[in-house]
Amino acid sequence: MLLRYLKKVTVMKATRTKQANGTYTETLEKVKTYKAQEMELDDEISASIYGANINKMLRIKSPKKDLEKFLQSKVSNKEDNISYYYVFIDSQKYKIVSVNSKGADVEMVQWKKYIPLEQI
């Protein structure tokens, strides 16, 4: 893994609060920042799994597997589940779809810029 391909990846946790009208709002808090390499999913297996969403999918992996270890600890945890976590890469918001030792597959949630990089 070449260092020049590493990007800043920020993991944020969403806290959901219920409003008076019954809808939920999310407030995001920064957990940790990692350096990771992003790769596009272009193999046939990923295409059969994710289908039309493959255009919005990325696989990210960190050099020392720190990001993968952190996210794997949240997969089977009931109180602090992986569904509460988001990944921000280049001001784009991604939800975590799957995590294994080879990397984490993330799906883009919003196409527009969500949070300026200076605020992350």
N, C-alpha and C. Protein backbone atom coordinates (compact mmCIF):
# COMPACT_ATOMS: atom_id res chain seq x y z
N MET A 1 0.85 -1.17 0.00
CA MET A 1 0.00 0.00 0.00
C MET A 1 0.90 1.24 0.00
N LEU A 2 0.75 2.07 -1.00
CA LEU A 2 1.58 3.26 -1.11
C LEU A 2 0.99 4.40 -0.29
N LEU A 3 1.87 5.14 0.38
CA LEU A 3 1.43 6.22 1.25
C LEU A 3 0.76 7.36 0.48
N ARG A 4 1.10 7.53 -0.77
CA ARG A 4 0.51 8.64 -1.53
C ARG A 4 -0.96 8.40 -1.85
N TYR A 5 -1.43 7.16 -1.75
CA TYR A 5 -2.83 6.86 -2.02
C TYR A 5 -3.71 6.93 -0.77
N LEU A 6 -3.10 7.18 0.39
CA LEU A 6 -3.88 7.24 1.62
C LEU A 6 -4.65 8.54 1.72
N LYS A 7 -5.88 8.44 2.18
CA LYS A 7 -6.73 9.61 2.37
C LYS A 7 -7.17 9.67 3.82
N LYS A 8 -7.58 10.85 4.21
CA LYS A 8 -8.10 11.05 5.56
C LYS A 8 -9.53 10.53 5.63
N VAL A 9 -9.76 9.61 6.56
CA VAL A 9 -11.07 8.99 6.76
C VAL A 9 -11.49 9.28 8.19
N THR A 10 -12.64 9.91 8.35
CA THR A 10 -13.13 10.26 9.67
C THR A 10 -14.34 9.40 10.00
N VAL A 11 -14.27 8.72 11.14
CA VAL A 11 -15.38 7.90 11.61
C VAL A 11 -16.18 8.74 12.60
N MET A 12 -17.49 8.82 12.38
CA MET A 12 -18.37 9.60 13.25
C MET A 12 -19.53 8.73 13.71
N LYS A 13 -19.94 8.97 14.94
CA LYS A 13 -21.05 8.22 15.53
C LYS A 13 -22.28 9.11 15.58
N ALA A 14 -23.41 8.56 15.15
CA ALA A 14 -24.68 9.29 15.15
C ALA A 14 -25.45 8.93 16.42
N THR A 15 -25.96 9.96 17.08
CA THR A 15 -26.83 9.77 18.22
C THR A 15 -28.22 10.20 17.79
N ARG A 16 -29.15 9.29 17.86
CA ARG A 16 -30.51 9.57 17.41
C ARG A 16 -31.37 10.00 18.59
N THR A 17 -32.06 11.13 18.42
CA THR A 17 -32.97 11.61 19.45
C THR A 17 -34.35 11.80 18.83
N LYS A 18 -35.36 11.42 19.60
CA LYS A 18 -36.73 11.50 19.12
C LYS A 18 -37.29 12.89 19.40
N GLN A 19 -37.91 13.49 18.39
CA GLN A 19 -38.52 14.79 18.54
C GLN A 19 -39.97 14.65 18.98
N ALA A 20 -40.61 15.77 19.26
CA ALA A 20 -41.99 15.77 19.73
C ALA A 20 -42.97 15.24 18.68
N ASN A 21 -42.65 15.44 17.41
CA ASN A 21 -43.56 14.98 16.35
C ASN A 21 -43.31 13.52 15.96
N GLY A 22 -42.39 12.84 16.61
CA GLY A 22 -42.16 11.42 16.36
C GLY A 22 -41.02 11.12 15.42
N THR A 23 -40.45 12.12 14.78
CA THR A 23 -39.32 11.89 13.89
C THR A 23 -38.03 11.89 14.69
N TYR A 24 -36.99 11.33 14.10
CA TYR A 24 -35.69 11.26 14.75
C TYR A 24 -34.72 12.22 14.08
N THR A 25 -33.87 12.83 14.87
CA THR A 25 -32.78 13.65 14.34
C THR A 25 -31.46 13.02 14.77
N GLU A 26 -30.46 13.20 13.95
CA GLU A 26 -29.14 12.65 14.25
C GLU A 26 -28.16 13.78 14.54
N THR A 27 -27.41 13.61 15.59
CA THR A 27 -26.28 14.50 15.86
C THR A 27 -25.02 13.65 15.76
N LEU A 28 -24.05 14.16 15.02
CA LEU A 28 -22.83 13.41 14.77
C LEU A 28 -21.72 13.88 15.68
N GLU A 29 -20.96 12.93 16.22
CA GLU A 29 -19.78 13.26 17.00
C GLU A 29 -18.59 12.48 16.45
N LYS A 30 -17.47 13.13 16.39
CA LYS A 30 -16.27 12.54 15.81
C LYS A 30 -15.71 11.49 16.76
N VAL A 31 -15.40 10.31 16.20
CA VAL A 31 -14.82 9.24 16.99
C VAL A 31 -13.31 9.23 16.82
N LYS A 32 -12.86 9.11 15.57
CA LYS A 32 -11.42 9.05 15.31
C LYS A 32 -11.17 9.28 13.83
N THR A 33 -9.97 9.73 13.52
CA THR A 33 -9.56 9.93 12.13
C THR A 33 -8.49 8.90 11.79
N TYR A 34 -8.63 8.28 10.65
CA TYR A 34 -7.69 7.28 10.18
C TYR A 34 -7.16 7.69 8.82
N LYS A 35 -6.07 7.06 8.40
CA LYS A 35 -5.59 7.16 7.03
C LYS A 35 -5.93 5.83 6.37
N ALA A 36 -6.56 5.89 5.21
CA ALA A 36 -6.98 4.67 4.54
C ALA A 36 -6.92 4.86 3.04
N GLN A 37 -6.84 3.74 2.35
CA GLN A 37 -6.86 3.74 0.89
C GLN A 37 -8.25 3.32 0.43
N GLU A 38 -8.78 4.03 -0.55
CA GLU A 38 -10.09 3.68 -1.08
C GLU A 38 -9.92 2.98 -2.42
N MET A 39 -10.76 2.00 -2.65
CA MET A 39 -10.74 1.24 -3.90
C MET A 39 -12.16 1.10 -4.41
N GLU A 40 -12.34 1.19 -5.71
CA GLU A 40 -13.65 0.97 -6.30
C GLU A 40 -13.90 -0.53 -6.39
N LEU A 41 -15.14 -0.90 -6.21
CA LEU A 41 -15.52 -2.30 -6.35
C LEU A 41 -15.87 -2.56 -7.81
N ASP A 42 -15.10 -3.43 -8.45
CA ASP A 42 -15.33 -3.68 -9.86
C ASP A 42 -15.30 -5.17 -10.21
N ASP A 43 -15.26 -6.04 -9.22
CA ASP A 43 -15.25 -7.46 -9.52
C ASP A 43 -16.68 -7.99 -9.66
N GLU A 44 -16.82 -9.15 -10.23
CA GLU A 44 -18.14 -9.72 -10.51
C GLU A 44 -18.89 -10.11 -9.25
N ILE A 45 -18.17 -10.54 -8.25
CA ILE A 45 -18.81 -10.95 -6.99
C ILE A 45 -19.46 -9.74 -6.32
N SER A 46 -18.73 -8.64 -6.25
CA SER A 46 -19.31 -7.43 -5.67
C SER A 46 -20.49 -6.93 -6.48
N ALA A 47 -20.40 -7.06 -7.79
CA ALA A 47 -21.51 -6.62 -8.64
C ALA A 47 -22.75 -7.47 -8.40
N SER A 48 -22.58 -8.74 -8.16
CA SER A 48 -23.75 -9.59 -7.90
C SER A 48 -24.32 -9.34 -6.51
N ILE A 49 -23.47 -8.94 -5.55
CA ILE A 49 -23.94 -8.67 -4.19
C ILE A 49 -24.67 -7.33 -4.12
N TYR A 50 -24.03 -6.28 -4.63
CA TYR A 50 -24.55 -4.93 -4.46
C TYR A 50 -25.42 -4.45 -5.62
N GLY A 51 -25.37 -5.10 -6.76
CA GLY A 51 -26.24 -4.78 -7.89
C GLY A 51 -26.05 -3.36 -8.40
N ALA A 52 -27.14 -2.63 -8.51
CA ALA A 52 -27.11 -1.27 -9.07
C ALA A 52 -26.40 -0.29 -8.15
N ASN A 53 -26.30 -0.60 -6.87
CA ASN A 53 -25.63 0.30 -5.92
C ASN A 53 -24.12 0.25 -6.02
N ILE A 54 -23.57 -0.59 -6.86
CA ILE A 54 -22.12 -0.73 -6.93
C ILE A 54 -21.42 0.57 -7.34
N ASN A 55 -22.14 1.46 -8.03
CA ASN A 55 -21.56 2.75 -8.42
C ASN A 55 -21.32 3.65 -7.21
N LYS A 56 -22.07 3.44 -6.13
CA LYS A 56 -21.92 4.26 -4.93
C LYS A 56 -21.05 3.59 -3.87
N MET A 57 -20.50 2.42 -4.18
CA MET A 57 -19.76 1.63 -3.19
C MET A 57 -18.25 1.85 -3.30
N LEU A 58 -17.59 1.81 -2.15
CA LEU A 58 -16.13 1.83 -2.07
C LEU A 58 -15.68 0.79 -1.06
N ARG A 59 -14.46 0.33 -1.21
CA ARG A 59 -13.84 -0.49 -0.17
C ARG A 59 -12.67 0.32 0.38
N ILE A 60 -12.63 0.47 1.68
CA ILE A 60 -11.54 1.20 2.31
C ILE A 60 -10.78 0.26 3.21
N LYS A 61 -9.45 0.47 3.25
CA LYS A 61 -8.63 -0.32 4.15
C LYS A 61 -7.46 0.51 4.63
N SER A 62 -7.09 0.28 5.87
CA SER A 62 -6.02 1.05 6.49
C SER A 62 -4.73 0.22 6.50
N PRO A 63 -3.57 0.86 6.54
CA PRO A 63 -2.30 0.13 6.44
C PRO A 63 -2.07 -0.85 7.58
N LYS A 64 -2.39 -0.50 8.80
CA LYS A 64 -2.15 -1.38 9.94
C LYS A 64 -3.41 -2.07 10.44
N LYS A 65 -4.47 -2.01 9.65
CA LYS A 65 -5.76 -2.64 9.95
C LYS A 65 -6.42 -2.07 11.21
N ASP A 66 -6.07 -0.84 11.59
CA ASP A 66 -6.68 -0.22 12.76
C ASP A 66 -8.16 0.07 12.53
N LEU A 67 -8.48 0.59 11.37
CA LEU A 67 -9.87 0.91 11.04
C LEU A 67 -10.72 -0.35 11.02
N GLU A 68 -10.21 -1.41 10.42
CA GLU A 68 -10.96 -2.66 10.33
C GLU A 68 -11.20 -3.26 11.72
N LYS A 69 -10.19 -3.22 12.58
CA LYS A 69 -10.33 -3.76 13.93
C LYS A 69 -11.37 -2.98 14.73
N PHE A 70 -11.36 -1.66 14.59
CA PHE A 70 -12.34 -0.84 15.31
C PHE A 70 -13.76 -1.15 14.83
N LEU A 71 -13.94 -1.21 13.52
CA LEU A 71 -15.28 -1.45 12.97
C LEU A 71 -15.76 -2.87 13.23
N GLN A 72 -14.87 -3.86 13.22
CA GLN A 72 -15.27 -5.24 13.49
C GLN A 72 -15.76 -5.41 14.92
N SER A 73 -15.24 -4.62 15.84
CA SER A 73 -15.70 -4.73 17.22
C SER A 73 -17.13 -4.21 17.38
N LYS A 74 -17.61 -3.45 16.42
CA LYS A 74 -18.96 -2.87 16.48
C LYS A 74 -19.99 -3.71 15.72
N VAL A 75 -19.57 -4.73 14.99
CA VAL A 75 -20.49 -5.48 14.14
C VAL A 75 -21.48 -6.29 14.98
N SER A 76 -21.02 -7.01 15.98
CA SER A 76 -21.92 -7.87 16.75
C SER A 76 -22.33 -7.25 18.09
N ASN A 77 -21.96 -6.02 18.32
CA ASN A 77 -22.29 -5.35 19.56
C ASN A 77 -23.72 -4.82 19.49
N LYS A 78 -24.53 -5.14 20.48
CA LYS A 78 -25.95 -4.74 20.43
C LYS A 78 -26.16 -3.30 20.86
N GLU A 79 -25.46 -2.82 21.88
CA GLU A 79 -25.66 -1.46 22.36
C GLU A 79 -24.99 -0.43 21.47
N ASP A 80 -23.81 -0.74 20.97
CA ASP A 80 -23.01 0.19 20.18
C ASP A 80 -22.82 -0.41 18.79
N ASN A 81 -23.89 -0.48 18.02
CA ASN A 81 -23.91 -1.20 16.76
C ASN A 81 -23.26 -0.40 15.63
N ILE A 82 -22.84 -1.10 14.59
CA ILE A 82 -22.19 -0.50 13.43
C ILE A 82 -23.15 0.42 12.67
N SER A 83 -24.44 0.23 12.83
CA SER A 83 -25.41 1.06 12.11
C SER A 83 -25.42 2.50 12.61
N TYR A 84 -24.83 2.78 13.76
CA TYR A 84 -24.76 4.14 14.28
C TYR A 84 -23.55 4.90 13.76
N TYR A 85 -22.68 4.25 13.00
CA TYR A 85 -21.43 4.86 12.57
C TYR A 85 -21.46 5.22 11.09
N TYR A 86 -20.83 6.34 10.77
CA TYR A 86 -20.68 6.80 9.39
C TYR A 86 -19.21 7.10 9.14
N VAL A 87 -18.83 7.05 7.88
CA VAL A 87 -17.46 7.36 7.47
C VAL A 87 -17.52 8.55 6.54
N PHE A 88 -16.65 9.51 6.74
CA PHE A 88 -16.56 10.69 5.88
C PHE A 88 -15.23 10.67 5.14
N ILE A 89 -15.31 10.70 3.81
CA ILE A 89 -14.13 10.75 2.95
C ILE A 89 -14.34 11.90 1.98
N ASP A 90 -13.44 12.85 1.97
CA ASP A 90 -13.54 14.02 1.08
C ASP A 90 -14.90 14.71 1.20
N SER A 91 -15.37 14.91 2.41
CA SER A 91 -16.64 15.57 2.72
C SER A 91 -17.86 14.81 2.25
N GLN A 92 -17.72 13.57 1.87
CA GLN A 92 -18.85 12.73 1.47
C GLN A 92 -19.19 11.78 2.62
N LYS A 93 -20.47 11.59 2.85
CA LYS A 93 -20.94 10.74 3.93
C LYS A 93 -21.21 9.34 3.40
N TYR A 94 -20.64 8.33 4.07
CA TYR A 94 -20.81 6.94 3.69
C TYR A 94 -21.33 6.15 4.89
N LYS A 95 -22.25 5.21 4.63
CA LYS A 95 -22.65 4.28 5.68
C LYS A 95 -21.87 2.99 5.49
N ILE A 96 -21.62 2.30 6.58
CA ILE A 96 -20.82 1.08 6.55
C ILE A 96 -21.74 -0.09 6.26
N VAL A 97 -21.43 -0.83 5.18
CA VAL A 97 -22.26 -1.94 4.76
C VAL A 97 -21.72 -3.26 5.30
N SER A 98 -20.43 -3.51 5.14
CA SER A 98 -19.83 -4.74 5.65
C SER A 98 -18.38 -4.49 6.03
N VAL A 99 -17.91 -5.29 6.97
CA VAL A 99 -16.54 -5.18 7.46
C VAL A 99 -15.94 -6.57 7.54
N ASN A 100 -14.72 -6.71 7.03
CA ASN A 100 -13.96 -7.94 7.23
C ASN A 100 -12.49 -7.57 7.36
N SER A 101 -11.62 -8.56 7.46
CA SER A 101 -10.20 -8.27 7.67
C SER A 101 -9.54 -7.65 6.44
N LYS A 102 -10.16 -7.77 5.27
CA LYS A 102 -9.60 -7.20 4.05
C LYS A 102 -9.98 -5.75 3.84
N GLY A 103 -10.98 -5.25 4.58
CA GLY A 103 -11.41 -3.88 4.43
C GLY A 103 -12.87 -3.72 4.79
N ALA A 104 -13.35 -2.51 4.64
CA ALA A 104 -14.74 -2.20 4.93
C ALA A 104 -15.40 -1.69 3.66
N ASP A 105 -16.58 -2.22 3.35
CA ASP A 105 -17.35 -1.75 2.21
C ASP A 105 -18.31 -0.68 2.70
N VAL A 106 -18.27 0.47 2.05
CA VAL A 106 -19.10 1.60 2.44
C VAL A 106 -19.92 2.06 1.25
N GLU A 107 -21.11 2.60 1.54
CA GLU A 107 -22.01 3.08 0.49
C GLU A 107 -22.27 4.56 0.69
N MET A 108 -22.16 5.34 -0.37
CA MET A 108 -22.38 6.77 -0.29
C MET A 108 -23.83 7.06 0.04
N VAL A 109 -24.03 7.92 1.04
CA VAL A 109 -25.38 8.25 1.48
C VAL A 109 -25.85 9.52 0.80
N GLN A 110 -24.99 10.51 0.68
CA GLN A 110 -25.36 11.78 0.09
C GLN A 110 -24.36 12.15 -1.00
N TRP A 111 -24.87 12.65 -2.12
CA TRP A 111 -24.02 13.02 -3.24
C TRP A 111 -23.43 14.40 -3.08
N LYS A 112 -24.12 15.28 -2.38
CA LYS A 112 -23.61 16.64 -2.22
C LYS A 112 -22.63 16.69 -1.06
N LYS A 113 -21.89 17.77 -0.99
CA LYS A 113 -20.96 17.94 0.13
C LYS A 113 -21.75 18.10 1.40
N TYR A 114 -21.35 17.37 2.41
CA TYR A 114 -22.12 17.32 3.66
C TYR A 114 -21.53 18.24 4.73
N ILE A 115 -20.26 18.06 5.03
CA ILE A 115 -19.58 18.85 6.05
C ILE A 115 -18.25 19.30 5.47
N PRO A 116 -17.90 20.56 5.61
CA PRO A 116 -16.58 21.01 5.13
C PRO A 116 -15.46 20.27 5.85
N LEU A 117 -14.38 20.01 5.13
CA LEU A 117 -13.26 19.26 5.69
C LEU A 117 -12.67 19.94 6.93
N GLU A 118 -12.74 21.26 6.99
CA GLU A 118 -12.18 21.97 8.13
C GLU A 118 -12.92 21.66 9.42
N GLN A 119 -14.20 21.30 9.31
CA GLN A 119 -14.99 21.02 10.50
C GLN A 119 -14.87 19.58 10.97
N ILE A 120 -14.28 18.71 10.16
CA ILE A 120 -14.15 17.30 10.54
C ILE A 120 -12.90 17.11 11.37
